[in-house]
Amino acid sequence: MQEYALDACRARQHGEPPVPAPGAHDWQMIRELRGHLHCRAALAGRPARGRLRGALLRRLRPNR
């Protein structure tokens, strides 16, 4: 928290946009990590799950 306060103060002094608050992008990071792990699993030959699998199935079977 102290590092955030120092970064925010420094950004304000230099006229830069404020830094995001701690925890502001946690869910986005988790989604990106999950997508990365699914991609690695697919490249390794393991079955894809979740959104990636659904997107692939929709591409392969558009009539369903």
Foldseek 3Di string as FASTA:
>chain_A
DVVLVVQQVVCVVVVHDRDDDPPPCVVVVVVVVLVVVLVVCVVVPHDHDDPVNVVVVCVVCVVD
